[in-house]
Every structure is written in C-alpha cells, then in structure tokens.
Amino acid sequence: MKIIIHGGFFSESSTSHETKVAKQNALVRIAKDSYEFLKTHSALETVVFAVSQLEDDELFNAGIGSQIQSDGKIRMSASLMDGFTHKMSGVINIEEVKNPVQVAQVLLDFDDKVLGGSGATNFARKQGFEVFSTEIPQRRSEYEAKLASSGTGTVGCVALDKDGKIAVATSTGGKGFEIPGRISDSATVAGNYANEFCGVSLTGVGEDIVSGAVATKIVTRVTDGFSLKEAFEKTFNELKPFDGFAGAIAIDKEGNIYHQDSHPSMVYASFDGEQSAVFN
C-alpha cells in the first residue's frame, strides 16, 4: 500500500515561512491519517478521504480555502478516477459545497459523470449536500487587495491499495480573479488520470496542463512500458517549448512513487506505512 498527496505550489512572494511549515505539517498528518484509512478501505475511498481533508484545511486552495474569481464568487472543481474500472467523474465550477470531491464520488454511480456550473450545484443539493459558504476572510482580503495567488494551487491524492488497485482524486479552488466560466485541468483527464498501471494528479497552471495533456500522457506511457521516471521526463520535456507550469505526483502498479515539477516548488507528502516524506 502506498499513498502520496500534494498541496499545490508555494508562492515565494506571498507565502510566509510559518505558512510553509504549517502546510508541510498538515500534509504529513493527512498522508499518515489517510494511510491508516487505506488499511481498511479501497484506493478509491481513500483518495476521496484524503482530498476531503485537504479541502477542509484553509491552508490549501480547495474547498474552504478556495480562491475568489473576478466577479467576487467562489467556484470549485474536483474529480476522481478509479484505475480499476477506468471510470472518471467530476464537478466543474460548483458553488457553496464544502467538499466538491465527495460530489464527484456520488456522480460515479450516474450515467452523466461530469457536471458543471449550476447543474453541478443543483445536483449536489438534490443529493443532500447542504449550502456551505467556502469563503474565508483571508481570501476576501486577497481579493480586495488584488493579491490572490498566481494560479498554482490545487490538491490531490494517488493511492495504491492492498488489492493492487489505483485511484486518484484532484480538487481546486481556481487561480483567483479568473473569468467566470473558466475551466481548470482538475476535472479533466489532463490533470487527473488513472488506470491499472498508474495514477497521476496534477497542480500548476491549468491551461498549461491541458495543453500538455500531462496526466494522460504519463499514464499512457507507463502503460506502454515506460518507467515512471522515463514517462515524467518525456512528458515534462514536452512542456518546455511553451514554458508549461506544472507539477505531478504518481504511483505505479509496482508501488513506485514519483513526482516532478517544472517550476519549483510543489509541496507534497508520501507515506508507505514505515517512512514518510514531505518536500517543497
């Protein structure tokens, strides 16, 4: 069993040392708690559990820590993919839901698996997800002062369970000040993808990640026989012509864990039951 999570990128210009340390500590705690959860649950259930914890922590740009868009509203996106069934579900630009990844989980059982905007929000209400204001004072202050982050905040998790099944989940609060209706990579196969060979979750600039089809390329290359390292290197080299801004975490079917970013520094934590690692 293996698990790895990420908390997006640090903004060197606006993130204090204390905040960096707090993020690192939170990631270690969530990675360890999620590994304990993984012992008695599937990879799919575990990635939802882990990403829900990240959505519940205002340190991260997802759930209650989400950025505010140019019209003053918060809209979030999230998705998950079951590497065993090859099924993916997601929500795009959903509003006033505490845990978008949990709405995505419910959608796995429906024929229509990706919903956006008011349709996603209305679906959540019908499924019993209560109205929950995700705005926190810090985000409002950033919005009013035009100091929101540069669009590099997302959270995600990849897990490999005791049965060898892989799952991945990704959630974001957006880049801040975006045009309403803008779609990130987090609920697409560019930012969140898995099969029986590999699972990958992305963070960074969504437009660059979609242009590079990053998650899909990495998983496809591992499926075709590349090692994780080789798949990452080739895919990230393909981002260089347009200076693509991305960071990715992954686990393959052998339990190998890998990460890479094109513009330091992505923060992530992994845990395998004996050793934990956290990096920025």
C-alpha atoms as a PDB file:
ATOM      1  CA  MET A   1       0.000   0.000   0.000  1.00  0.00           C
ATOM      2  CA  LYS A   2       1.238   3.472  -0.877  1.00  0.00           C
ATOM      3  CA  ILE A   3      -0.165   6.988  -0.767  1.00  0.00           C
ATOM      4  CA  ILE A   4       1.032  10.378  -1.979  1.00  0.00           C
ATOM      5  CA  ILE A   5      -0.703  13.753  -1.726  1.00  0.00           C
ATOM      6  CA  HIS A   6       0.102  17.248  -2.948  1.00  0.00           C
ATOM      7  CA  GLY A   7      -0.917  20.697  -1.795  1.00  0.00           C
ATOM      8  CA  GLY A   8      -0.142  22.776  -4.854  1.00  0.00           C
ATOM      9  CA  PHE A   9       2.762  25.180  -5.259  1.00  0.00           C
ATOM     10  CA  PHE A  10       4.246  27.616  -2.773  1.00  0.00           C
ATOM     11  CA  SER A  11       4.132  31.263  -3.801  1.00  0.00           C
ATOM     12  CA  GLU A  12       7.546  32.525  -2.803  1.00  0.00           C
ATOM     13  CA  SER A  13       6.385  36.148  -2.884  1.00  0.00           C
ATOM     14  CA  SER A  14       3.336  35.844  -0.654  1.00  0.00           C
ATOM     15  CA  THR A  15       3.756  32.736   1.498  1.00  0.00           C
ATOM     16  CA  SER A  16       5.421  33.227   4.876  1.00  0.00           C
ATOM     17  CA  HIS A  17       7.825  30.732   6.392  1.00  0.00           C
ATOM     18  CA  GLU A  18       5.223  29.946   9.043  1.00  0.00           C
ATOM     19  CA  THR A  19       2.630  29.139   6.400  1.00  0.00           C
ATOM     20  CA  LYS A  20       5.068  26.894   4.548  1.00  0.00           C
ATOM     21  CA  VAL A  21       5.818  24.955   7.714  1.00  0.00           C
ATOM     22  CA  ALA A  22       2.112  24.716   8.525  1.00  0.00           C
ATOM     23  CA  LYS A  23       1.414  23.309   5.059  1.00  0.00           C
ATOM     24  CA  GLN A  24       4.209  20.767   5.386  1.00  0.00           C
ATOM     25  CA  ASN A  25       2.976  19.636   8.783  1.00  0.00           C
ATOM     26  CA  ALA A  26      -0.603  19.397   7.546  1.00  0.00           C
ATOM     27  CA  LEU A  27       0.457  17.280   4.575  1.00  0.00           C
ATOM     28  CA  VAL A  28       2.396  14.853   6.760  1.00  0.00           C
ATOM     29  CA  ARG A  29      -0.562  14.488   9.103  1.00  0.00           C
ATOM     30  CA  ILE A  30      -3.077  13.973   6.301  1.00  0.00           C
ATOM     31  CA  ALA A  31      -0.812  11.496   4.490  1.00  0.00           C
ATOM     32  CA  LYS A  32      -0.405   9.390   7.636  1.00  0.00           C
ATOM     33  CA  ASP A  33      -4.105   9.556   8.548  1.00  0.00           C
ATOM     34  CA  SER A  34      -5.046   8.602   5.004  1.00  0.00           C
ATOM     35  CA  TYR A  35      -2.661   5.654   5.047  1.00  0.00           C
ATOM     36  CA  GLU A  36      -4.347   4.385   8.203  1.00  0.00           C
ATOM     37  CA  PHE A  37      -7.683   4.776   6.405  1.00  0.00           C
ATOM     38  CA  LEU A  38      -6.270   2.888   3.402  1.00  0.00           C
ATOM     39  CA  LYS A  39      -5.625  -0.171   5.571  1.00  0.00           C
ATOM     40  CA  THR A  40      -9.343  -0.893   5.753  1.00  0.00           C
ATOM     41  CA  HIS A  41     -10.650   0.854   2.633  1.00  0.00           C
ATOM     42  CA  SER A  42     -10.160   0.824  -1.116  1.00  0.00           C
ATOM     43  CA  ALA A  43      -7.863   3.169  -3.023  1.00  0.00           C
ATOM     44  CA  LEU A  44     -10.935   4.944  -4.399  1.00  0.00           C
ATOM     45  CA  GLU A  45     -12.409   5.552  -0.945  1.00  0.00           C
ATOM     46  CA  THR A  46      -9.018   6.666   0.335  1.00  0.00           C
ATOM     47  CA  VAL A  47      -8.328   9.336  -2.280  1.00  0.00           C
ATOM     48  CA  VAL A  48     -11.728  10.865  -1.522  1.00  0.00           C
ATOM     49  CA  PHE A  49     -10.935  10.751   2.203  1.00  0.00           C
ATOM     50  CA  ALA A  50      -7.527  12.396   1.714  1.00  0.00           C
ATOM     51  CA  VAL A  51      -8.700  15.116  -0.645  1.00  0.00           C
ATOM     52  CA  SER A  52     -11.649  15.870   1.659  1.00  0.00           C
ATOM     53  CA  GLN A  53      -9.156  16.531   4.461  1.00  0.00           C
ATOM     54  CA  LEU A  54      -7.247  18.896   2.183  1.00  0.00           C
ATOM     55  CA  GLU A  55     -10.494  20.640   1.196  1.00  0.00           C
ATOM     56  CA  ASP A  56     -11.273  21.088   4.900  1.00  0.00           C
ATOM     57  CA  ASP A  57      -7.966  22.887   5.566  1.00  0.00           C
ATOM     58  CA  GLU A  58      -7.958  26.587   4.677  1.00  0.00           C
ATOM     59  CA  LEU A  59      -4.192  26.454   4.091  1.00  0.00           C
ATOM     60  CA  PHE A  60      -4.850  24.881   0.705  1.00  0.00           C
ATOM     61  CA  ASN A  61      -6.570  26.225  -2.399  1.00  0.00           C
ATOM     62  CA  ALA A  62      -9.519  23.835  -2.459  1.00  0.00           C
ATOM     63  CA  GLY A  63     -12.762  23.540  -0.525  1.00  0.00           C
ATOM     64  CA  ILE A  64     -12.849  26.117   2.255  1.00  0.00           C
ATOM     65  CA  GLY A  65      -9.526  27.654   1.156  1.00  0.00           C
ATOM     66  CA  SER A  66     -10.642  28.324  -2.425  1.00  0.00           C
ATOM     67  CA  GLN A  67      -9.714  31.462  -4.330  1.00  0.00           C
ATOM     68  CA  ILE A  68     -12.235  34.113  -5.367  1.00  0.00           C
ATOM     69  CA  GLN A  69     -12.992  34.736  -9.044  1.00  0.00           C
ATOM     70  CA  SER A  70     -13.120  38.105 -10.789  1.00  0.00           C
ATOM     71  CA  ASP A  71     -16.833  38.585 -10.077  1.00  0.00           C
ATOM     72  CA  GLY A  72     -16.364  38.017  -6.345  1.00  0.00           C
ATOM     73  CA  LYS A  73     -17.689  34.453  -6.268  1.00  0.00           C
ATOM     74  CA  ILE A  74     -16.007  31.160  -5.410  1.00  0.00           C
ATOM     75  CA  ARG A  75     -16.331  28.287  -7.863  1.00  0.00           C
ATOM     76  CA  MET A  76     -14.557  24.964  -7.382  1.00  0.00           C
ATOM     77  CA  SER A  77     -13.719  21.924  -9.463  1.00  0.00           C
ATOM     78  CA  ALA A  78     -12.832  18.365  -8.494  1.00  0.00           C
ATOM     79  CA  SER A  79     -12.666  14.895  -9.968  1.00  0.00           C
ATOM     80  CA  LEU A  80     -11.656  11.336  -9.203  1.00  0.00           C
ATOM     81  CA  MET A  81     -10.815   8.306 -11.285  1.00  0.00           C
ATOM     82  CA  ASP A  82     -10.912   4.621 -10.472  1.00  0.00           C
ATOM     83  CA  GLY A  83      -7.977   2.938 -12.177  1.00  0.00           C
ATOM     84  CA  PHE A  84      -9.642  -0.477 -11.880  1.00  0.00           C
ATOM     85  CA  THR A  85     -12.922   0.401 -13.614  1.00  0.00           C
ATOM     86  CA  HIS A  86     -11.449   3.243 -15.728  1.00  0.00           C
ATOM     87  CA  LYS A  87     -14.371   5.429 -14.648  1.00  0.00           C
ATOM     88  CA  MET A  88     -13.913   9.144 -14.003  1.00  0.00           C
ATOM     89  CA  SER A  89     -16.355  11.651 -12.528  1.00  0.00           C
ATOM     90  CA  GLY A  90     -16.150  15.309 -11.665  1.00  0.00           C
ATOM     91  CA  VAL A  91     -17.697  18.689 -10.993  1.00  0.00           C
ATOM     92  CA  ILE A  92     -16.686  21.965 -12.605  1.00  0.00           C
ATOM     93  CA  ASN A  93     -17.365  25.429 -11.168  1.00  0.00           C
ATOM     94  CA  ILE A  94     -19.561  24.132  -8.362  1.00  0.00           C
ATOM     95  CA  GLU A  95     -20.556  26.656  -5.672  1.00  0.00           C
ATOM     96  CA  GLU A  96     -21.071  26.607  -1.895  1.00  0.00           C
ATOM     97  CA  VAL A  97     -20.218  22.961  -1.308  1.00  0.00           C
ATOM     98  CA  LYS A  98     -17.676  22.115   1.379  1.00  0.00           C
ATOM     99  CA  ASN A  99     -16.281  19.008  -0.326  1.00  0.00           C
ATOM    100  CA  PRO A 100     -16.570  19.008  -4.138  1.00  0.00           C
ATOM    101  CA  VAL A 101     -14.639  15.735  -4.338  1.00  0.00           C
ATOM    102  CA  GLN A 102     -17.459  13.996  -2.470  1.00  0.00           C
ATOM    103  CA  VAL A 103     -19.979  15.220  -5.040  1.00  0.00           C
ATOM    104  CA  ALA A 104     -17.699  13.784  -7.728  1.00  0.00           C
ATOM    105  CA  GLN A 105     -17.730  10.481  -5.857  1.00  0.00           C
ATOM    106  CA  VAL A 106     -21.533  10.351  -5.898  1.00  0.00           C
ATOM    107  CA  LEU A 107     -21.510  11.003  -9.646  1.00  0.00           C
ATOM    108  CA  LEU A 108     -19.584   7.776 -10.250  1.00  0.00           C
ATOM    109  CA  ASP A 109     -22.890   5.935  -9.895  1.00  0.00           C
ATOM    110  CA  PHE A 110     -24.670   8.091 -12.505  1.00  0.00           C
ATOM    111  CA  ASP A 111     -24.592   7.887 -16.289  1.00  0.00           C
ATOM    112  CA  ASP A 112     -23.777  11.595 -16.512  1.00  0.00           C
ATOM    113  CA  LYS A 113     -20.472  11.694 -14.686  1.00  0.00           C
ATOM    114  CA  VAL A 114     -19.160  15.255 -15.152  1.00  0.00           C
ATOM    115  CA  LEU A 115     -21.388  18.234 -14.325  1.00  0.00           C
ATOM    116  CA  GLY A 116     -20.636  21.936 -14.444  1.00  0.00           C
ATOM    117  CA  GLY A 117     -21.872  25.245 -13.069  1.00  0.00           C
ATOM    118  CA  SER A 118     -25.411  25.472 -11.731  1.00  0.00           C
ATOM    119  CA  GLY A 119     -26.072  21.906 -12.861  1.00  0.00           C
ATOM    120  CA  ALA A 120     -23.329  20.634 -10.578  1.00  0.00           C
ATOM    121  CA  THR A 121     -24.528  22.787  -7.678  1.00  0.00           C
ATOM    122  CA  ASN A 122     -28.173  21.753  -8.139  1.00  0.00           C
ATOM    123  CA  PHE A 123     -27.170  18.090  -8.306  1.00  0.00           C
ATOM    124  CA  ALA A 124     -25.268  18.461  -5.030  1.00  0.00           C
ATOM    125  CA  ARG A 125     -28.311  19.984  -3.327  1.00  0.00           C
ATOM    126  CA  LYS A 126     -30.564  17.168  -4.545  1.00  0.00           C
ATOM    127  CA  GLN A 127     -28.072  14.651  -3.176  1.00  0.00           C
ATOM    128  CA  GLY A 128     -28.199  16.237   0.273  1.00  0.00           C
ATOM    129  CA  PHE A 129     -25.091  18.414   0.186  1.00  0.00           C
ATOM    130  CA  GLU A 130     -26.027  21.468   2.229  1.00  0.00           C
ATOM    131  CA  VAL A 131     -25.218  25.075   1.361  1.00  0.00           C
ATOM    132  CA  PHE A 132     -21.781  25.805   2.796  1.00  0.00           C
ATOM    133  CA  SER A 133     -20.003  29.122   2.370  1.00  0.00           C
ATOM    134  CA  THR A 134     -16.396  28.323   1.483  1.00  0.00           C
ATOM    135  CA  GLU A 135     -15.214  31.910   1.799  1.00  0.00           C
ATOM    136  CA  ILE A 136     -12.664  32.705   4.488  1.00  0.00           C
ATOM    137  CA  PRO A 137     -11.523  36.220   5.499  1.00  0.00           C
ATOM    138  CA  GLN A 138      -8.012  35.715   4.127  1.00  0.00           C
ATOM    139  CA  ARG A 139      -9.297  35.023   0.619  1.00  0.00           C
ATOM    140  CA  ARG A 140     -11.572  38.065   0.722  1.00  0.00           C
ATOM    141  CA  SER A 141      -8.635  40.235   1.816  1.00  0.00           C
ATOM    142  CA  GLU A 142      -6.527  38.854  -1.027  1.00  0.00           C
ATOM    143  CA  TYR A 143      -9.313  39.513  -3.475  1.00  0.00           C
ATOM    144  CA  GLU A 144      -9.897  43.066  -2.335  1.00  0.00           C
ATOM    145  CA  ALA A 145      -6.178  43.837  -2.340  1.00  0.00           C
ATOM    146  CA  LYS A 146      -5.621  42.005  -5.644  1.00  0.00           C
ATOM    147  CA  LEU A 147      -3.077  39.741  -4.005  1.00  0.00           C
ATOM    148  CA  ALA A 148      -4.505  36.336  -4.898  1.00  0.00           C
ATOM    149  CA  SER A 149      -2.082  33.583  -5.807  1.00  0.00           C
ATOM    150  CA  SER A 150      -0.768  33.096  -9.326  1.00  0.00           C
ATOM    151  CA  GLY A 151      -2.955  30.147 -10.213  1.00  0.00           C
ATOM    152  CA  THR A 152      -0.809  27.310  -8.945  1.00  0.00           C
ATOM    153  CA  GLY A 153      -2.985  25.940  -6.161  1.00  0.00           C
ATOM    154  CA  THR A 154      -4.616  22.521  -6.310  1.00  0.00           C
ATOM    155  CA  VAL A 155      -4.710  19.479  -4.035  1.00  0.00           C
ATOM    156  CA  GLY A 156      -4.622  15.832  -4.986  1.00  0.00           C
ATOM    157  CA  CYS A 157      -4.022  12.257  -3.924  1.00  0.00           C
ATOM    158  CA  VAL A 158      -2.938   8.995  -5.539  1.00  0.00           C
ATOM    159  CA  ALA A 159      -3.349   5.709  -3.659  1.00  0.00           C
ATOM    160  CA  LEU A 160      -2.471   2.054  -4.204  1.00  0.00           C
ATOM    161  CA  ASP A 161      -4.462  -0.329  -2.019  1.00  0.00           C
ATOM    162  CA  LYS A 162      -3.763  -3.817  -0.673  1.00  0.00           C
ATOM    163  CA  ASP A 163      -5.502  -5.371  -3.681  1.00  0.00           C
ATOM    164  CA  GLY A 164      -3.218  -3.553  -6.114  1.00  0.00           C
ATOM    165  CA  LYS A 165      -5.885  -1.104  -7.252  1.00  0.00           C
ATOM    166  CA  ILE A 166      -5.006   2.512  -8.010  1.00  0.00           C
ATOM    167  CA  ALA A 167      -7.187   5.592  -7.694  1.00  0.00           C
ATOM    168  CA  VAL A 168      -6.632   9.331  -7.944  1.00  0.00           C
ATOM    169  CA  ALA A 169      -8.529  12.472  -6.912  1.00  0.00           C
ATOM    170  CA  THR A 170      -7.851  16.166  -7.511  1.00  0.00           C
ATOM    171  CA  SER A 171      -9.577  19.333  -6.272  1.00  0.00           C
ATOM    172  CA  THR A 172      -9.036  23.055  -6.807  1.00  0.00           C
ATOM    173  CA  GLY A 173     -10.405  26.421  -5.836  1.00  0.00           C
ATOM    174  CA  GLY A 174      -9.191  28.001  -9.057  1.00  0.00           C
ATOM    175  CA  LYS A 175      -6.429  30.510  -9.745  1.00  0.00           C
ATOM    176  CA  GLY A 176      -8.107  33.639  -8.399  1.00  0.00           C
ATOM    177  CA  PHE A 177      -9.531  36.517 -10.468  1.00  0.00           C
ATOM    178  CA  GLU A 178     -10.270  34.227 -13.415  1.00  0.00           C
ATOM    179  CA  ILE A 179     -13.089  34.994 -15.849  1.00  0.00           C
ATOM    180  CA  PRO A 180     -16.277  33.296 -14.584  1.00  0.00           C
ATOM    181  CA  GLY A 181     -16.765  30.105 -16.559  1.00  0.00           C
ATOM    182  CA  ARG A 182     -13.067  29.352 -16.873  1.00  0.00           C
ATOM    183  CA  ILE A 183     -12.403  25.602 -16.648  1.00  0.00           C
ATOM    184  CA  SER A 184      -9.294  24.258 -14.935  1.00  0.00           C
ATOM    185  CA  ASP A 185      -7.486  20.997 -15.593  1.00  0.00           C
ATOM    186  CA  SER A 186      -8.570  19.391 -12.317  1.00  0.00           C
ATOM    187  CA  ALA A 187     -11.752  17.816 -13.666  1.00  0.00           C
ATOM    188  CA  THR A 188     -10.166  16.723 -16.937  1.00  0.00           C
ATOM    189  CA  VAL A 189      -8.002  13.762 -17.926  1.00  0.00           C
ATOM    190  CA  ALA A 190      -5.092  16.196 -18.346  1.00  0.00           C
ATOM    191  CA  GLY A 191      -4.995  16.883 -14.624  1.00  0.00           C
ATOM    192  CA  ASN A 192      -6.367  13.684 -13.101  1.00  0.00           C
ATOM    193  CA  TYR A 193      -5.990  10.227 -14.645  1.00  0.00           C
ATOM    194  CA  ALA A 194      -5.527   6.595 -13.642  1.00  0.00           C
ATOM    195  CA  ASN A 195      -5.712   3.047 -14.920  1.00  0.00           C
ATOM    196  CA  GLU A 196      -4.499  -0.318 -13.607  1.00  0.00           C
ATOM    197  CA  PHE A 197      -0.888   0.639 -14.347  1.00  0.00           C
ATOM    198  CA  CYS A 198      -0.548   4.139 -12.903  1.00  0.00           C
ATOM    199  CA  GLY A 199      -2.333   7.117 -11.330  1.00  0.00           C
ATOM    200  CA  VAL A 200      -1.378  10.798 -11.700  1.00  0.00           C
ATOM    201  CA  SER A 201      -2.632  14.044 -10.112  1.00  0.00           C
ATOM    202  CA  LEU A 202      -1.527  17.490 -11.311  1.00  0.00           C
ATOM    203  CA  THR A 203      -1.187  21.001  -9.971  1.00  0.00           C
ATOM    204  CA  GLY A 204       0.018  24.174 -11.631  1.00  0.00           C
ATOM    205  CA  VAL A 205      -1.406  26.396 -14.368  1.00  0.00           C
ATOM    206  CA  GLY A 206      -4.440  24.575 -15.711  1.00  0.00           C
ATOM    207  CA  GLU A 207      -4.139  25.955 -19.231  1.00  0.00           C
ATOM    208  CA  ASP A 208      -0.570  24.625 -19.499  1.00  0.00           C
ATOM    209  CA  ILE A 209      -1.545  21.238 -18.086  1.00  0.00           C
ATOM    210  CA  VAL A 210      -4.413  20.884 -20.561  1.00  0.00           C
ATOM    211  CA  SER A 211      -2.183  21.983 -23.446  1.00  0.00           C
ATOM    212  CA  GLY A 212       0.320  19.311 -22.453  1.00  0.00           C
ATOM    213  CA  ALA A 213      -2.297  16.600 -21.732  1.00  0.00           C
ATOM    214  CA  VAL A 214       0.066  15.804 -18.891  1.00  0.00           C
ATOM    215  CA  ALA A 215      -1.674  13.186 -16.727  1.00  0.00           C
ATOM    216  CA  THR A 216      -2.949  11.200 -19.702  1.00  0.00           C
ATOM    217  CA  LYS A 217       0.462  11.184 -21.373  1.00  0.00           C
ATOM    218  CA  ILE A 218       2.251   9.971 -18.256  1.00  0.00           C
ATOM    219  CA  VAL A 219      -0.247   7.176 -17.580  1.00  0.00           C
ATOM    220  CA  THR A 220      -0.283   6.115 -21.236  1.00  0.00           C
ATOM    221  CA  ARG A 221       3.497   5.964 -21.368  1.00  0.00           C
ATOM    222  CA  VAL A 222       3.710   3.875 -18.202  1.00  0.00           C
ATOM    223  CA  THR A 223       1.046   1.576 -19.689  1.00  0.00           C
ATOM    224  CA  ASP A 224       3.219   1.250 -22.816  1.00  0.00           C
ATOM    225  CA  GLY A 225       6.246   0.175 -20.788  1.00  0.00           C
ATOM    226  CA  PHE A 226       7.972   3.388 -19.722  1.00  0.00           C
ATOM    227  CA  SER A 227       9.184   3.625 -16.145  1.00  0.00           C
ATOM    228  CA  LEU A 228       7.617   6.411 -14.084  1.00  0.00           C
ATOM    229  CA  LYS A 229      10.847   8.383 -14.330  1.00  0.00           C
ATOM    230  CA  GLU A 230      11.006   7.996 -18.110  1.00  0.00           C
ATOM    231  CA  ALA A 231       7.331   8.889 -18.545  1.00  0.00           C
ATOM    232  CA  PHE A 232       7.708  12.000 -16.405  1.00  0.00           C
ATOM    233  CA  GLU A 233      10.885  13.154 -18.116  1.00  0.00           C
ATOM    234  CA  LYS A 234       9.481  12.837 -21.637  1.00  0.00           C
ATOM    235  CA  THR A 235       6.183  14.483 -20.728  1.00  0.00           C
ATOM    236  CA  PHE A 236       7.753  17.383 -18.830  1.00  0.00           C
ATOM    237  CA  ASN A 237      10.241  17.948 -21.670  1.00  0.00           C
ATOM    238  CA  GLU A 238       7.217  18.472 -23.910  1.00  0.00           C
ATOM    239  CA  LEU A 239       6.128  21.371 -21.681  1.00  0.00           C
ATOM    240  CA  LYS A 240       9.371  23.280 -22.236  1.00  0.00           C
ATOM    241  CA  PRO A 241       8.588  24.815 -25.653  1.00  0.00           C
ATOM    242  CA  PHE A 242       5.790  26.876 -24.080  1.00  0.00           C
ATOM    243  CA  ASP A 243       7.317  27.069 -20.574  1.00  0.00           C
ATOM    244  CA  GLY A 244       4.495  24.981 -19.136  1.00  0.00           C
ATOM    245  CA  PHE A 245       3.942  25.356 -15.397  1.00  0.00           C
ATOM    246  CA  ALA A 246       3.036  22.004 -13.846  1.00  0.00           C
ATOM    247  CA  GLY A 247       3.735  19.622 -11.015  1.00  0.00           C
ATOM    248  CA  ALA A 248       2.659  15.998 -10.787  1.00  0.00           C
ATOM    249  CA  ILE A 249       2.546  13.109  -8.332  1.00  0.00           C
ATOM    250  CA  ALA A 250       2.150   9.443  -9.273  1.00  0.00           C
ATOM    251  CA  ILE A 251       2.142   5.829  -8.121  1.00  0.00           C
ATOM    252  CA  ASP A 252       2.501   2.854 -10.467  1.00  0.00           C
ATOM    253  CA  LYS A 253       1.229  -0.708 -10.054  1.00  0.00           C
ATOM    254  CA  GLU A 254       4.569  -1.816  -8.562  1.00  0.00           C
ATOM    255  CA  GLY A 255       4.231   0.755  -5.779  1.00  0.00           C
ATOM    256  CA  ASN A 256       6.839   3.128  -7.149  1.00  0.00           C
ATOM    257  CA  ILE A 257       6.203   6.766  -6.190  1.00  0.00           C
ATOM    258  CA  TYR A 258       7.371   9.693  -8.291  1.00  0.00           C
ATOM    259  CA  HIS A 259       6.950  13.443  -8.554  1.00  0.00           C
ATOM    260  CA  GLN A 260       8.270  16.256 -10.707  1.00  0.00           C
ATOM    261  CA  ASP A 261       7.622  19.950 -11.166  1.00  0.00           C
ATOM    262  CA  SER A 262       8.648  22.349 -13.912  1.00  0.00           C
ATOM    263  CA  HIS A 263       8.781  25.456 -11.733  1.00  0.00           C
ATOM    264  CA  PRO A 264       9.710  24.909  -8.070  1.00  0.00           C
ATOM    265  CA  SER A 265       8.266  24.363  -5.685  1.00  0.00           C
ATOM    266  CA  MET A 266       5.358  21.949  -5.390  1.00  0.00           C
ATOM    267  CA  VAL A 267       4.694  20.661  -1.896  1.00  0.00           C
ATOM    268  CA  TYR A 268       3.800  17.018  -1.388  1.00  0.00           C
ATOM    269  CA  ALA A 269       3.923  14.215   1.155  1.00  0.00           C
ATOM    270  CA  SER A 270       4.023  10.442   0.776  1.00  0.00           C
ATOM    271  CA  PHE A 271       3.678   7.548   3.206  1.00  0.00           C
ATOM    272  CA  ASP A 272       4.167   3.815   2.829  1.00  0.00           C
ATOM    273  CA  GLY A 273       3.492   2.643   6.382  1.00  0.00           C
ATOM    274  CA  GLU A 274       7.079   2.949   7.547  1.00  0.00           C
ATOM    275  CA  GLN A 275       8.527   6.108   6.102  1.00  0.00           C
ATOM    276  CA  SER A 276       7.055   9.491   5.335  1.00  0.00           C
ATOM    277  CA  ALA A 277       8.477  12.230   3.144  1.00  0.00           C
ATOM    278  CA  VAL A 278       7.469  15.820   2.679  1.00  0.00           C
ATOM    279  CA  PHE A 279       9.040  18.196   0.217  1.00  0.00           C
ATOM    280  CA  ASN A 280       8.559  21.705  -1.085  1.00  0.00           C
END
